[in-house]
C-alpha cells in the first residue's frame, strides 16, 4: 500500500517510533542553560484563585545554589563547567517556580501540590528543583522548555540516591511529589528516550503508594474539624494537617490518572485499576484553593462538612462501582449520590479505563469473526453496553446518538456543567469501545507495509459496520470540543485524543475510500461521489440530530464537519476525505497567520502535529481529498 509506505516515513520522526543508538545518552540530553534569554516572562500569565500567593513565593541566591547543587551532583563530568557557569539567575528560576505553582493552581486537572502552604524554606531540594523544571518546561520560551525537559533525569538520579541512602524517604510526601512531577515532565517531553524512561519507571511510585497504604485512608487518620473557637495557632495547625492529608489523596489520584493516560497513549496495560482506589475523592476546589486558614475554615463550614471521616466520603472505586450497578439495573446514576468535587466525573471516567482497555484488547485479540465491530446502537454486547451507559450518565445528554437522547432534542444539554476536557475524554473512551485504535497506527505505516497488510482485512470489515460510523461521530465530537479550547490547552492528553480521533477519520477514509475511488473512477458506481455518498448533508460535528442517529444506524446521508480556512468557515465531507480530515485536526493546533500568539506549543504537541501533517500529505499524495 503506497499510503502506508508514506506513512512509515512520517512515523520515523514521531514519538511512537524510536530506535536507540549510541548517541542517545543522558549526557547528550543534559540542560544547556546558556541559550536561555534574560527576559524570561516572570510569574503567571493569567489570574488564578491565589495569584497574590504565587507572586509572594520568592527565591533567594541560596535557593539557586541548592538547585544547582542537585544538577551538578548528577550531571556528566564533561558538562559541569558549562552548566555551573551559565545556570540561570535566581530571578529567572523564581519565574519558573511561579509558573509551576500557577499550573498547580489552575491548569493541572489533578493538582497535587498545595500552593498556599508551600514554602521554599521547608521544601526539599528535589521538590524545589522539580518545580523549577516544571515551570521551565511550561514556559513559552523554547530554550526554557528544553532545559525543563532535560532536568528531570538528573532529579530522578537524585531521588534514587536519596532512597538508597534512607529507604524511609520512600514514604516522604515531598519526595513522592517530586517523583510524580518528573514523571509528568518526562512523559510529555516529546523526547522519545525520556518518554520511554518515564513509561518504564512508573512502577516505583505505584508500588510505594500501594505498600504505604495510601490507597485507603484509615479511620484513625481522621482530622479534627476546624471550629470558630480555634485560636490562630490551632487553626493553622489543623489547616496544614488537612493540606498534608489532602495532598496525599491528590497525589494518588494524579498518579492513577497519569498511568491511565500513558496506557491510552502507548496502548499498554495500565498499572493501576479503579478497584483499588478506596481512598476518598479529592475535596472541593474551594477548600483546596483557600489561601488562608480563616478562608479554609469558612469554606469548610459553607460546604456543610462536619467531620473528615473517610467512611463519609465517596471513593473513586465506590463511585464507579455504584454507577456500574445502576447501569446494570437500567437506572441512571442518581444526581444526589454524585460527589461534590467538580473533578469527580473525570476521575470516574478514568476509573472506567481499565475495563474499557480490557474490553478493547480482548475483542480485537479474540477476533471472533470481527463480531465485536458488528454492534449497532440497539444491539451492543452486554459488557460494551454497560460501559457505554455509564459514560452516557457521566456526560451531557448529547454525548451519544441514542434513541433516548434523540427524544430529548431541543432540551438544554447542560454543557456548562461539563468542562470541554471532560467531554473530550468521554468521546475518547468511546473511540476505544467502537474503533480498533491499536490497529490504526499499524495501518498508517508505524510497523511498515507488512504490518499495514496484516491489519487491513480487519479494518475493511470494520468500516462496513455501525460501530465504525459511531466512531466517526465520537471523533468529530472531539474536533468540536477541541475547537472550543485555547491553543495552550491543546497538549498532553488532549492532543493524543485529537490525534487518535483524526487517525480514526483518516483510516476510515483510506480503507473505505479505496474501493469507492476505484469504482467511481471506472464509472461503475454512480451512487457515490469521491467525497461521500449522495444524500442530504448534515453536520456530524454539531449537536445531536435525528440525521446523526440515521447515519450511525443505517449509513444514510452525507456527513460533514466545519473548519476555518483562510479566515472563513469551510465545510468538509467526512467520508472518503482522509487528507482533509487530518488537515482539519492540524488546523485546530496551529495558530492562523493573522493570529499573534506568544505561546510556543510544547515539543510533544509540535511533534504530534507534524505527524498529522505528514499523514495528511500521504493521503493527498495517493489521490484522496
Foldseek 3Di string as FASTA:
>chain_A
DLLLQLLQVLLCLALQDDDDDPCPDLQNLAAQLQPDDPPFDAADPDDFLCRVLLVPAADDQVLVVLLLVLSLVQHDPVCNVRCVVRPDGRRLLSRLLRQLLVCLGPPDLLRQAQSLPDHSVPADSLLSNLSSLNSLCQTLDVSSVSNSLSPLVSSVVVLVVVCVVPVVCLQPLNSLVSLLSNLVSQCQQRDSVSVVVSLVPLPSSVVSCVVVVLLADDQVLWAQADDPPDDQVRLVVSLVSVSVNLSSLSSVLSSLLVQLLSCLQNVDAGPDALQSNHFAHHDASQLSSQNGSVSNNVVCVVVVDNIDGRVVGDTLSNVLVQLLVCVVVVHQPDPVPQGPHLSSLVSNLSNCRNVLSCLLVVCVVVVPVLVLQQAALVRHDVSLSSNLRSLCSSAFVQLAQDPVSQVVPPDDRPCVSPQLVSSLSSLLSLLSSLPNLVLLSQLSHNPHPVSVVVCLVSLLVNLVHLSLLRLLLSLLLLVLSLLVDDLSSCGRSSVSSNLSSLSSLLSSLVNVLVVVVVCVVVVNDPQADLLGGDAAEDESNDTHHVVSSCCSRPVDHWYWHWADDPRDIDIGTRHNASLVSLVRSLPSNDDDPVDDDSRDHRSSSVSSSSSSNSSSVSCVVVPTD
